[in-house]
Amino acid sequence: MTLYFRDYEKRSIKQEVEITDLVTGKALDKQVVENFTEGCYKSWKIQGYVKVAIRSAAGFSCISGVFFDPLQVPVQTGKI
């Protein structure tokens, strides 16, 4: 999963992104995102059910895009 942040209005936004396992409630990662007037991508390899929380640390909170990679299914090779 990739999140894209861009501060189009140049408001000096600073925010926290926290990813939590939805089943156990365990925090998997927490990052501060700031200085993204030119755009910033943050990517994680996730499995199962997660909650993504974006909280303002200073100013407004914003997110410009959420991207999910396609599920990669193992391909069996061999002779037929």
C-alpha atoms as a PDB file:
ATOM      1  CA  MET A   1       0.000   0.000   0.000  1.00  0.00           C
ATOM      2  CA  THR A   2       1.279   3.432  -0.872  1.00  0.00           C
ATOM      3  CA  LEU A   3      -0.024   6.753   0.408  1.00  0.00           C
ATOM      4  CA  TYR A   4       0.640   9.990  -1.446  1.00  0.00           C
ATOM      5  CA  PHE A   5       0.740  13.290   0.405  1.00  0.00           C
ATOM      6  CA  ARG A   6       0.883  16.735  -1.163  1.00  0.00           C
ATOM      7  CA  ASP A   7       0.434  20.095   0.525  1.00  0.00           C
ATOM      8  CA  TYR A   8      -0.952  21.995  -2.483  1.00  0.00           C
ATOM      9  CA  GLU A   9      -1.780  25.096  -0.466  1.00  0.00           C
ATOM     10  CA  LYS A  10       1.627  25.233   1.258  1.00  0.00           C
ATOM     11  CA  ARG A  11       0.163  25.237   4.771  1.00  0.00           C
ATOM     12  CA  SER A  12       3.222  23.611   6.409  1.00  0.00           C
ATOM     13  CA  ILE A  13       1.206  20.543   7.310  1.00  0.00           C
ATOM     14  CA  LYS A  14       2.696  18.062   9.751  1.00  0.00           C
ATOM     15  CA  GLN A  15       0.835  14.840  10.452  1.00  0.00           C
ATOM     16  CA  GLU A  16       1.231  11.382  11.915  1.00  0.00           C
ATOM     17  CA  VAL A  17       0.413   8.203  10.016  1.00  0.00           C
ATOM     18  CA  GLU A  18      -0.231   5.169  12.192  1.00  0.00           C
ATOM     19  CA  ILE A  19      -0.895   1.667  10.885  1.00  0.00           C
ATOM     20  CA  THR A  20      -2.517  -0.745  13.319  1.00  0.00           C
ATOM     21  CA  ASP A  21      -3.356  -4.440  13.073  1.00  0.00           C
ATOM     22  CA  LEU A  22      -7.157  -4.417  13.182  1.00  0.00           C
ATOM     23  CA  VAL A  23      -7.371  -7.866  14.806  1.00  0.00           C
ATOM     24  CA  THR A  24      -4.795  -7.490  17.599  1.00  0.00           C
ATOM     25  CA  GLY A  25      -4.804  -3.705  17.976  1.00  0.00           C
ATOM     26  CA  LYS A  26      -0.997  -3.748  17.827  1.00  0.00           C
ATOM     27  CA  ALA A  27       0.649  -0.676  16.284  1.00  0.00           C
ATOM     28  CA  LEU A  28       2.644  -1.841  13.247  1.00  0.00           C
ATOM     29  CA  ASP A  29       4.197   1.483  12.260  1.00  0.00           C
ATOM     30  CA  LYS A  30       3.998   5.174  13.073  1.00  0.00           C
ATOM     31  CA  GLN A  31       5.609   7.945  11.036  1.00  0.00           C
ATOM     32  CA  VAL A  32       5.556  11.720  10.950  1.00  0.00           C
ATOM     33  CA  VAL A  33       5.016  13.209   7.492  1.00  0.00           C
ATOM     34  CA  GLU A  34       5.929  16.855   6.946  1.00  0.00           C
ATOM     35  CA  ASN A  35       7.373  19.246   4.366  1.00  0.00           C
ATOM     36  CA  PHE A  36       5.507  17.674   1.441  1.00  0.00           C
ATOM     37  CA  THR A  37       4.650  20.701  -0.684  1.00  0.00           C
ATOM     38  CA  GLU A  38       6.326  18.921  -3.634  1.00  0.00           C
ATOM     39  CA  GLY A  39       4.655  15.591  -2.816  1.00  0.00           C
ATOM     40  CA  CYS A  40       5.730  12.586  -0.763  1.00  0.00           C
ATOM     41  CA  TYR A  41       5.090   8.847  -1.169  1.00  0.00           C
ATOM     42  CA  LYS A  42       5.118   6.446   1.794  1.00  0.00           C
ATOM     43  CA  SER A  43       4.852   2.694   1.156  1.00  0.00           C
ATOM     44  CA  TRP A  44       4.221  -0.348   3.345  1.00  0.00           C
ATOM     45  CA  LYS A  45       3.959  -4.075   2.711  1.00  0.00           C
ATOM     46  CA  ILE A  46       0.790  -5.081   4.510  1.00  0.00           C
ATOM     47  CA  GLN A  47      -1.120  -8.307   5.035  1.00  0.00           C
ATOM     48  CA  GLY A  48      -4.483  -8.936   6.612  1.00  0.00           C
ATOM     49  CA  TYR A  49      -6.710  -6.264   8.070  1.00  0.00           C
ATOM     50  CA  VAL A  50      -5.166  -2.961   9.092  1.00  0.00           C
ATOM     51  CA  LYS A  51      -6.376   0.457  10.142  1.00  0.00           C
ATOM     52  CA  VAL A  52      -4.625   3.544   8.792  1.00  0.00           C
ATOM     53  CA  ALA A  53      -5.028   6.662  10.913  1.00  0.00           C
ATOM     54  CA  ILE A  54      -3.855  10.093   9.764  1.00  0.00           C
ATOM     55  CA  ARG A  55      -3.785  12.701  12.515  1.00  0.00           C
ATOM     56  CA  SER A  56      -2.789  16.331  12.441  1.00  0.00           C
ATOM     57  CA  ALA A  57       0.368  17.123  14.392  1.00  0.00           C
ATOM     58  CA  ALA A  58       0.358  20.775  13.256  1.00  0.00           C
ATOM     59  CA  GLY A  59      -2.106  22.405  10.895  1.00  0.00           C
ATOM     60  CA  PHE A  60      -4.500  20.424   8.746  1.00  0.00           C
ATOM     61  CA  SER A  61      -4.443  16.740   7.845  1.00  0.00           C
ATOM     62  CA  CYS A  62      -4.506  15.738   4.218  1.00  0.00           C
ATOM     63  CA  ILE A  63      -3.872  12.809   1.934  1.00  0.00           C
ATOM     64  CA  SER A  64      -3.862  13.017  -1.840  1.00  0.00           C
ATOM     65  CA  GLY A  65      -3.855   9.369  -2.910  1.00  0.00           C
ATOM     66  CA  VAL A  66      -4.115   5.755  -1.757  1.00  0.00           C
ATOM     67  CA  PHE A  67      -2.677   3.025  -3.970  1.00  0.00           C
ATOM     68  CA  PHE A  68      -2.858  -0.756  -3.616  1.00  0.00           C
ATOM     69  CA  ASP A  69      -0.617  -3.093  -5.580  1.00  0.00           C
ATOM     70  CA  PRO A  70      -2.352  -6.040  -7.224  1.00  0.00           C
ATOM     71  CA  LEU A  71      -2.388  -9.330  -5.369  1.00  0.00           C
ATOM     72  CA  GLN A  72       0.525 -11.417  -6.537  1.00  0.00           C
ATOM     73  CA  VAL A  73      -0.559 -15.001  -7.118  1.00  0.00           C
ATOM     74  CA  PRO A  74       2.241 -17.556  -7.387  1.00  0.00           C
ATOM     75  CA  VAL A  75       2.472 -18.994 -10.877  1.00  0.00           C
ATOM     76  CA  GLN A  76       3.344 -22.640 -11.238  1.00  0.00           C
ATOM     77  CA  THR A  77       5.642 -23.516 -14.078  1.00  0.00           C
ATOM     78  CA  GLY A  78       6.402 -26.867 -15.575  1.00  0.00           C
ATOM     79  CA  LYS A  79       5.876 -29.085 -18.538  1.00  0.00           C
ATOM     80  CA  ILE A  80       2.431 -30.126 -19.636  1.00  0.00           C
END
